[in-house]
C-alpha atoms as a PDB file:
ATOM      1  CA  UNK A   1     107.061 113.350  91.772  1.00  0.00           C
ATOM      2  CA  UNK A   2     106.087 114.772  95.155  1.00  0.00           C
ATOM      3  CA  UNK A   3     108.331 114.314  98.127  1.00  0.00           C
ATOM      4  CA  UNK A   4     105.757 112.133  99.852  1.00  0.00           C
ATOM      5  CA  UNK A   5     104.250 109.400  97.705  1.00  0.00           C
ATOM      6  CA  UNK A   6     100.554 108.759  97.802  1.00  0.00           C
ATOM      7  CA  UNK A   7      99.640 105.421  99.430  1.00  0.00           C
ATOM      8  CA  UNK A   8      98.873 103.731  96.104  1.00  0.00           C
ATOM      9  CA  UNK A   9     102.363 104.556  94.776  1.00  0.00           C
ATOM     10  CA  UNK A  10     104.011 102.655  97.621  1.00  0.00           C
ATOM     11  CA  UNK A  11     102.142  99.414  96.982  1.00  0.00           C
ATOM     12  CA  UNK A  12     103.700  98.354  93.678  1.00  0.00           C
ATOM     13  CA  UNK A  13     106.238  96.106  95.398  1.00  0.00           C
ATOM     14  CA  UNK A  14     103.483  94.110  97.136  1.00  0.00           C
ATOM     15  CA  UNK A  15     100.253  94.223  95.133  1.00  0.00           C
ATOM     16  CA  UNK A  16     100.357  92.108  91.990  1.00  0.00           C
ATOM     17  CA  UNK A  17      98.008  89.804  90.047  1.00  0.00           C
ATOM     18  CA  UNK A  18      97.341  86.627  92.009  1.00  0.00           C
ATOM     19  CA  UNK A  19      97.803  83.195  90.520  1.00  0.00           C
ATOM     20  CA  UNK A  20      94.778  81.090  89.658  1.00  0.00           C
ATOM     21  CA  UNK A  21      93.226  78.830  92.245  1.00  0.00           C
ATOM     22  CA  UNK A  22      94.155  80.699  95.432  1.00  0.00           C
ATOM     23  CA  UNK A  23      92.796  84.180  94.779  1.00  0.00           C
ATOM     24  CA  UNK A  24      91.375  84.719  98.259  1.00  0.00           C
ATOM     25  CA  UNK A  25      94.436  83.427 100.123  1.00  0.00           C
ATOM     26  CA  UNK A  26      96.969  85.296  98.006  1.00  0.00           C
ATOM     27  CA  UNK A  27      94.999  88.528  98.118  1.00  0.00           C
ATOM     28  CA  UNK A  28      94.773  88.235 101.904  1.00  0.00           C
ATOM     29  CA  UNK A  29      98.540  87.661 102.103  1.00  0.00           C
ATOM     30  CA  UNK A  30      99.261  90.720  99.978  1.00  0.00           C
ATOM     31  CA  UNK A  31      97.036  93.116 101.923  1.00  0.00           C
ATOM     32  CA  UNK A  32      98.397  91.739 105.200  1.00  0.00           C
ATOM     33  CA  UNK A  33     101.877  92.617 103.918  1.00  0.00           C
ATOM     34  CA  UNK A  34     100.702  96.140 103.112  1.00  0.00           C
ATOM     35  CA  UNK A  35      99.544  96.525 106.728  1.00  0.00           C
ATOM     36  CA  UNK A  36     102.530  94.811 108.371  1.00  0.00           C
ATOM     37  CA  UNK A  37     105.038  96.793 106.315  1.00  0.00           C
ATOM     38  CA  UNK A  38     103.298 100.062 107.138  1.00  0.00           C
ATOM     39  CA  UNK A  39     102.927 100.890 103.435  1.00  0.00           C
ATOM     40  CA  UNK A  40      99.576 102.341 104.400  1.00  0.00           C
ATOM     41  CA  UNK A  41      99.996 103.804 107.874  1.00  0.00           C
ATOM     42  CA  UNK A  42      97.475 103.614 110.684  1.00  0.00           C
ATOM     43  CA  UNK A  43      94.700 106.106 110.013  1.00  0.00           C
ATOM     44  CA  UNK A  44      95.296 106.128 106.244  1.00  0.00           C
ATOM     45  CA  UNK A  45      92.846 104.802 103.690  1.00  0.00           C
ATOM     46  CA  UNK A  46      93.520 101.811 101.479  1.00  0.00           C
ATOM     47  CA  UNK A  47      93.053 102.345  97.739  1.00  0.00           C
ATOM     48  CA  UNK A  48      89.469 102.031  96.529  1.00  0.00           C
ATOM     49  CA  UNK A  49      88.007  98.537  96.169  1.00  0.00           C
ATOM     50  CA  UNK A  50      87.969  98.826  92.388  1.00  0.00           C
ATOM     51  CA  UNK A  51      91.681  99.682  92.242  1.00  0.00           C
ATOM     52  CA  UNK A  52      92.676  96.935  94.679  1.00  0.00           C
ATOM     53  CA  UNK A  53      90.651  94.336  92.805  1.00  0.00           C
ATOM     54  CA  UNK A  54      92.146  95.378  89.456  1.00  0.00           C
ATOM     55  CA  UNK A  55      95.714  95.371  90.756  1.00  0.00           C
ATOM     56  CA  UNK A  56      95.362  91.861  92.182  1.00  0.00           C
ATOM     57  CA  UNK A  57      93.198  90.516  89.358  1.00  0.00           C
ATOM     58  CA  UNK A  58      90.366  89.377  91.613  1.00  0.00           C
ATOM     59  CA  UNK A  59      86.655  90.075  91.773  1.00  0.00           C
ATOM     60  CA  UNK A  60      85.314  92.724  94.128  1.00  0.00           C
ATOM     61  CA  UNK A  61      83.314  89.958  95.827  1.00  0.00           C
ATOM     62  CA  UNK A  62      86.566  88.166  96.698  1.00  0.00           C
ATOM     63  CA  UNK A  63      88.150  91.420  97.798  1.00  0.00           C
ATOM     64  CA  UNK A  64      85.252  92.163 100.136  1.00  0.00           C
ATOM     65  CA  UNK A  65      85.678  88.729 101.707  1.00  0.00           C
ATOM     66  CA  UNK A  66      89.359  89.569 102.306  1.00  0.00           C
ATOM     67  CA  UNK A  67      88.511  92.961 103.829  1.00  0.00           C
ATOM     68  CA  UNK A  68      85.879  91.327 106.050  1.00  0.00           C
ATOM     69  CA  UNK A  69      88.540  89.014 107.507  1.00  0.00           C
ATOM     70  CA  UNK A  70      90.850  91.968 108.130  1.00  0.00           C
ATOM     71  CA  UNK A  71      88.017  93.834 109.868  1.00  0.00           C
ATOM     72  CA  UNK A  72      87.316  90.842 112.090  1.00  0.00           C
ATOM     73  CA  UNK A  73      91.012  90.752 113.011  1.00  0.00           C
ATOM     74  CA  UNK A  74      90.900  94.431 113.996  1.00  0.00           C
ATOM     75  CA  UNK A  75      93.341  95.533 111.295  1.00  0.00           C
ATOM     76  CA  UNK A  76      91.041  97.730 109.196  1.00  0.00           C
ATOM     77  CA  UNK A  77      87.661  99.400 109.483  1.00  0.00           C
ATOM     78  CA  UNK A  78      85.076 100.442 106.913  1.00  0.00           C
ATOM     79  CA  UNK A  79      83.731 103.989 106.997  1.00  0.00           C
ATOM     80  CA  UNK A  80      80.747 105.246 105.047  1.00  0.00           C
ATOM     81  CA  UNK A  81      80.084 108.622 103.533  1.00  0.00           C
ATOM     82  CA  UNK A  82      81.790 110.967 101.126  1.00  0.00           C
ATOM     83  CA  UNK A  83      85.171 110.488 102.755  1.00  0.00           C
ATOM     84  CA  UNK A  84      84.609 106.833 103.548  1.00  0.00           C
ATOM     85  CA  UNK A  85      86.472 103.730 102.498  1.00  0.00           C
ATOM     86  CA  UNK A  86      88.586 101.091 104.194  1.00  0.00           C
ATOM     87  CA  UNK A  87      91.048 102.521 106.709  1.00  0.00           C
ATOM     88  CA  UNK A  88      94.014 100.831 108.358  1.00  0.00           C
ATOM     89  CA  UNK A  89      93.721 100.937 112.127  1.00  0.00           C
ATOM     90  CA  UNK A  90      96.596 101.984 114.360  1.00  0.00           C
ATOM     91  CA  UNK A  91      98.321  98.871 115.657  1.00  0.00           C
ATOM     92  CA  UNK A  92      98.977  98.910 119.403  1.00  0.00           C
ATOM     93  CA  UNK A  93     102.519  97.877 120.262  1.00  0.00           C
ATOM     94  CA  UNK A  94     102.651  94.362 121.699  1.00  0.00           C
ATOM     95  CA  UNK A  95     105.930  94.170 123.534  1.00  0.00           C
ATOM     96  CA  UNK A  96     107.092  91.310 125.693  1.00  0.00           C
ATOM     97  CA  UNK A  97     109.195  88.178 125.677  1.00  0.00           C
ATOM     98  CA  UNK A  98     106.186  85.840 125.803  1.00  0.00           C
ATOM     99  CA  UNK A  99     104.607  87.407 122.723  1.00  0.00           C
ATOM    100  CA  UNK A 100     107.959  87.390 120.913  1.00  0.00           C
ATOM    101  CA  UNK A 101     108.430  83.686 121.628  1.00  0.00           C
ATOM    102  CA  UNK A 102     104.874  82.950 120.518  1.00  0.00           C
ATOM    103  CA  UNK A 103     105.449  84.645 117.177  1.00  0.00           C
ATOM    104  CA  UNK A 104     108.890  83.085 116.707  1.00  0.00           C
ATOM    105  CA  UNK A 105     107.333  79.639 117.113  1.00  0.00           C
ATOM    106  CA  UNK A 106     105.541  80.242 113.815  1.00  0.00           C
ATOM    107  CA  UNK A 107     108.695  81.049 111.787  1.00  0.00           C
ATOM    108  CA  UNK A 108     112.262  79.832 111.358  1.00  0.00           C
ATOM    109  CA  UNK A 109     113.883  82.961 112.733  1.00  0.00           C
ATOM    110  CA  UNK A 110     117.466  82.074 111.744  1.00  0.00           C
ATOM    111  CA  UNK A 111     116.430  81.309 108.177  1.00  0.00           C
ATOM    112  CA  UNK A 112     114.433  84.548 108.044  1.00  0.00           C
ATOM    113  CA  UNK A 113     117.435  86.553 109.243  1.00  0.00           C
ATOM    114  CA  UNK A 114     119.803  84.869 106.780  1.00  0.00           C
ATOM    115  CA  UNK A 115     117.473  85.348 103.838  1.00  0.00           C
ATOM    116  CA  UNK A 116     116.928  88.977 104.810  1.00  0.00           C
ATOM    117  CA  UNK A 117     120.693  89.548 104.867  1.00  0.00           C
ATOM    118  CA  UNK A 118     121.208  87.931 101.453  1.00  0.00           C
ATOM    119  CA  UNK A 119     118.488  90.080  99.877  1.00  0.00           C
ATOM    120  CA  UNK A 120     119.501  93.334 101.543  1.00  0.00           C
ATOM    121  CA  UNK A 121     123.236  92.988 100.951  1.00  0.00           C
ATOM    122  CA  UNK A 122     122.536  92.058  97.350  1.00  0.00           C
ATOM    123  CA  UNK A 123     120.211  95.019  96.825  1.00  0.00           C
ATOM    124  CA  UNK A 124     122.719  97.467  98.309  1.00  0.00           C
ATOM    125  CA  UNK A 125     125.485  96.110  96.102  1.00  0.00           C
ATOM    126  CA  UNK A 126     123.347  96.261  92.967  1.00  0.00           C
ATOM    127  CA  UNK A 127     122.274  99.851  93.611  1.00  0.00           C
ATOM    128  CA  UNK A 128     125.851 100.988  94.165  1.00  0.00           C
ATOM    129  CA  UNK A 129     127.384  98.996  91.298  1.00  0.00           C
ATOM    130  CA  UNK A 130     124.809 100.038  88.697  1.00  0.00           C
ATOM    131  CA  UNK A 131     124.363 103.585  89.978  1.00  0.00           C
ATOM    132  CA  UNK A 132     121.079 105.348  90.625  1.00  0.00           C
ATOM    133  CA  UNK A 133     119.406 107.842  88.314  1.00  0.00           C
ATOM    134  CA  UNK A 134     118.746 111.273  89.790  1.00  0.00           C
ATOM    135  CA  UNK A 135     115.168 110.338  90.701  1.00  0.00           C
ATOM    136  CA  UNK A 136     116.326 107.151  92.415  1.00  0.00           C
ATOM    137  CA  UNK A 137     118.956 109.042  94.400  1.00  0.00           C
ATOM    138  CA  UNK A 138     116.323 111.579  95.431  1.00  0.00           C
ATOM    139  CA  UNK A 139     113.973 108.818  96.574  1.00  0.00           C
ATOM    140  CA  UNK A 140     116.722 107.230  98.661  1.00  0.00           C
ATOM    141  CA  UNK A 141     117.716 110.534 100.292  1.00  0.00           C
ATOM    142  CA  UNK A 142     114.058 111.334 101.021  1.00  0.00           C
ATOM    143  CA  UNK A 143     113.537 107.932 102.648  1.00  0.00           C
ATOM    144  CA  UNK A 144     116.670 108.437 104.772  1.00  0.00           C
ATOM    145  CA  UNK A 145     115.507 111.903 105.875  1.00  0.00           C
ATOM    146  CA  UNK A 146     112.143 110.422 106.887  1.00  0.00           C
ATOM    147  CA  UNK A 147     113.861 108.021 109.289  1.00  0.00           C
ATOM    148  CA  UNK A 148     115.835 110.907 110.778  1.00  0.00           C
ATOM    149  CA  UNK A 149     112.728 113.061 111.282  1.00  0.00           C
ATOM    150  CA  UNK A 150     110.386 110.276 112.398  1.00  0.00           C
ATOM    151  CA  UNK A 151     108.900 110.364 115.901  1.00  0.00           C
ATOM    152  CA  UNK A 152     109.787 107.322 117.955  1.00  0.00           C
ATOM    153  CA  UNK A 153     106.461 105.559 117.440  1.00  0.00           C
ATOM    154  CA  UNK A 154     106.751 105.897 113.632  1.00  0.00           C
ATOM    155  CA  UNK A 155     110.434 105.077 113.312  1.00  0.00           C
ATOM    156  CA  UNK A 156     110.057 101.395 112.492  1.00  0.00           C
ATOM    157  CA  UNK A 157     107.612 102.112 109.669  1.00  0.00           C
ATOM    158  CA  UNK A 158     109.958 104.709 108.169  1.00  0.00           C
ATOM    159  CA  UNK A 159     112.879 102.316 108.590  1.00  0.00           C
ATOM    160  CA  UNK A 160     110.911  99.678 106.665  1.00  0.00           C
ATOM    161  CA  UNK A 161     110.168 102.135 103.853  1.00  0.00           C
ATOM    162  CA  UNK A 162     113.871 103.061 103.565  1.00  0.00           C
ATOM    163  CA  UNK A 163     114.885  99.429 103.167  1.00  0.00           C
ATOM    164  CA  UNK A 164     112.029  98.699 100.781  1.00  0.00           C
ATOM    165  CA  UNK A 165     113.032 101.711  98.678  1.00  0.00           C
ATOM    166  CA  UNK A 166     116.540 100.303  98.359  1.00  0.00           C
ATOM    167  CA  UNK A 167     115.120  96.930  97.294  1.00  0.00           C
ATOM    168  CA  UNK A 168     112.935  98.615  94.679  1.00  0.00           C
ATOM    169  CA  UNK A 169     115.878 100.619  93.333  1.00  0.00           C
ATOM    170  CA  UNK A 170     117.878  97.423  92.796  1.00  0.00           C
ATOM    171  CA  UNK A 171     115.937  96.975  89.568  1.00  0.00           C
ATOM    172  CA  UNK A 172     114.804  93.427  90.387  1.00  0.00           C
ATOM    173  CA  UNK A 173     111.038  93.069  90.926  1.00  0.00           C
ATOM    174  CA  UNK A 174     111.574  89.475  92.102  1.00  0.00           C
ATOM    175  CA  UNK A 175     114.044  90.613  94.770  1.00  0.00           C
ATOM    176  CA  UNK A 176     111.653  93.365  95.864  1.00  0.00           C
ATOM    177  CA  UNK A 177     108.733  90.941  96.190  1.00  0.00           C
ATOM    178  CA  UNK A 178     110.785  88.480  98.222  1.00  0.00           C
ATOM    179  CA  UNK A 179     112.132  91.267 100.426  1.00  0.00           C
ATOM    180  CA  UNK A 180     108.638  92.611 101.128  1.00  0.00           C
ATOM    181  CA  UNK A 181     107.589  89.158 102.331  1.00  0.00           C
ATOM    182  CA  UNK A 182     110.612  88.562 104.564  1.00  0.00           C
ATOM    183  CA  UNK A 183     110.464  92.093 105.992  1.00  0.00           C
ATOM    184  CA  UNK A 184     106.789  91.646 106.884  1.00  0.00           C
ATOM    185  CA  UNK A 185     107.704  88.496 108.818  1.00  0.00           C
ATOM    186  CA  UNK A 186     110.598  90.291 110.502  1.00  0.00           C
ATOM    187  CA  UNK A 187     108.402  93.249 111.489  1.00  0.00           C
ATOM    188  CA  UNK A 188     106.073  90.896 113.341  1.00  0.00           C
ATOM    189  CA  UNK A 189     109.034  89.972 115.545  1.00  0.00           C
ATOM    190  CA  UNK A 190     110.493  93.466 115.884  1.00  0.00           C
ATOM    191  CA  UNK A 191     107.111  94.804 117.011  1.00  0.00           C
ATOM    192  CA  UNK A 192     107.550  92.765 120.197  1.00  0.00           C
ATOM    193  CA  UNK A 193     110.848  94.453 121.055  1.00  0.00           C
ATOM    194  CA  UNK A 194     111.004  97.857 122.737  1.00  0.00           C
ATOM    195  CA  UNK A 195     112.437 100.740 120.730  1.00  0.00           C
ATOM    196  CA  UNK A 196     115.818 101.482 122.331  1.00  0.00           C
ATOM    197  CA  UNK A 197     117.071 105.000 121.682  1.00  0.00           C
ATOM    198  CA  UNK A 198     120.745 103.990 121.738  1.00  0.00           C
ATOM    199  CA  UNK A 199     120.069 101.229 119.246  1.00  0.00           C
ATOM    200  CA  UNK A 200     118.146 103.588 116.965  1.00  0.00           C
ATOM    201  CA  UNK A 201     120.979 106.116 117.044  1.00  0.00           C
ATOM    202  CA  UNK A 202     123.438 103.418 116.005  1.00  0.00           C
ATOM    203  CA  UNK A 203     121.045 102.153 113.345  1.00  0.00           C
ATOM    204  CA  UNK A 204     120.720 105.649 111.944  1.00  0.00           C
ATOM    205  CA  UNK A 205     124.494 106.016 111.689  1.00  0.00           C
ATOM    206  CA  UNK A 206     124.543 102.775 109.713  1.00  0.00           C
ATOM    207  CA  UNK A 207     121.759 104.054 107.454  1.00  0.00           C
ATOM    208  CA  UNK A 208     123.780 107.179 106.673  1.00  0.00           C
ATOM    209  CA  UNK A 209     126.927 105.170 105.887  1.00  0.00           C
ATOM    210  CA  UNK A 210     124.896 102.823 103.701  1.00  0.00           C
ATOM    211  CA  UNK A 211     123.222 105.574 101.679  1.00  0.00           C
ATOM    212  CA  UNK A 212     126.494 107.463 101.255  1.00  0.00           C
ATOM    213  CA  UNK A 213     128.192 104.303  99.937  1.00  0.00           C
ATOM    214  CA  UNK A 214     125.347 103.609  97.504  1.00  0.00           C
ATOM    215  CA  UNK A 215     125.317 107.166  96.189  1.00  0.00           C
ATOM    216  CA  UNK A 216     129.118 107.129  95.851  1.00  0.00           C
ATOM    217  CA  UNK A 217     128.920 103.955  93.768  1.00  0.00           C
ATOM    218  CA  UNK A 218     131.061 101.996  96.242  1.00  0.00           C
ATOM    219  CA  UNK A 219     129.502  98.537  96.017  1.00  0.00           C
ATOM    220  CA  UNK A 220     131.921  96.940  98.477  1.00  0.00           C
ATOM    221  CA  UNK A 221     131.288  99.550 101.160  1.00  0.00           C
ATOM    222  CA  UNK A 222     127.521  99.418 100.530  1.00  0.00           C
ATOM    223  CA  UNK A 223     127.429  95.646 100.946  1.00  0.00           C
ATOM    224  CA  UNK A 224     129.550  95.781 104.098  1.00  0.00           C
ATOM    225  CA  UNK A 225     127.444  98.561 105.631  1.00  0.00           C
ATOM    226  CA  UNK A 226     124.272  96.595 104.973  1.00  0.00           C
ATOM    227  CA  UNK A 227     125.775  93.353 106.281  1.00  0.00           C
ATOM    228  CA  UNK A 228     126.768  95.076 109.526  1.00  0.00           C
ATOM    229  CA  UNK A 229     123.295  96.615 109.796  1.00  0.00           C
ATOM    230  CA  UNK A 230     121.557  93.252 109.320  1.00  0.00           C
ATOM    231  CA  UNK A 231     123.869  91.628 111.861  1.00  0.00           C
ATOM    232  CA  UNK A 232     122.887  94.305 114.381  1.00  0.00           C
ATOM    233  CA  UNK A 233     119.187  93.538 113.982  1.00  0.00           C
ATOM    234  CA  UNK A 234     119.879  89.812 114.293  1.00  0.00           C
ATOM    235  CA  UNK A 235     121.925  90.359 117.462  1.00  0.00           C
ATOM    236  CA  UNK A 236     119.150  92.443 118.985  1.00  0.00           C
ATOM    237  CA  UNK A 237     116.541  89.755 118.350  1.00  0.00           C
ATOM    238  CA  UNK A 238     118.790  87.013 119.684  1.00  0.00           C
ATOM    239  CA  UNK A 239     119.505  89.116 122.753  1.00  0.00           C
ATOM    240  CA  UNK A 240     115.833  89.291 123.658  1.00  0.00           C
ATOM    241  CA  UNK A 241     115.518  85.541 123.126  1.00  0.00           C
ATOM    242  CA  UNK A 242     118.558  84.604 125.203  1.00  0.00           C
END
């Protein structure tokens, strides 16, 4: 497997067959998660319509209705020609306390933070306790390196991919699906907070401790490192709301 996955390879945790009766709504939710999680970065192309429709079990007519909504919201654009397709647009950062409070009004932030911690601590413990195969360990190291090398404006996306990789490596598709949803909601809040270099340095130290504990098979240390990391994010959000 190449060091950098192709966009389609990163979507397994989010794109899945929709349930009957709400095909449009569920497909819209899934592609919104793809965008909000940064699984397809700004400027990158979404998989072809045929592939997306097959993966979600919907008609291409329904898919086009979903993509039309996303275009109207300024999240994607359609390009024609040989190298055309549907491309994710770069999302301008929307920082500010007023915007943060507006978005928080739509979610139960404390419940979101608690659920995130339960999922993340559990995933870290599972990965460490069960051990990772060589390919899983390589994926985790690669994701960690990406956060270290990321420019400031791409750090949050790489951070998301590191955490999502850990969820995927837990071996529980249900946990991964739930984590993708809660992380997408959390990213909507974090996007309103400025990227603080000191905070990112501390976060990166926690990432290193977490990955080392997982790779060493120390479940207790992995869970504690993740718990501390989640508490740091929660404290940062609460600080901007105080």
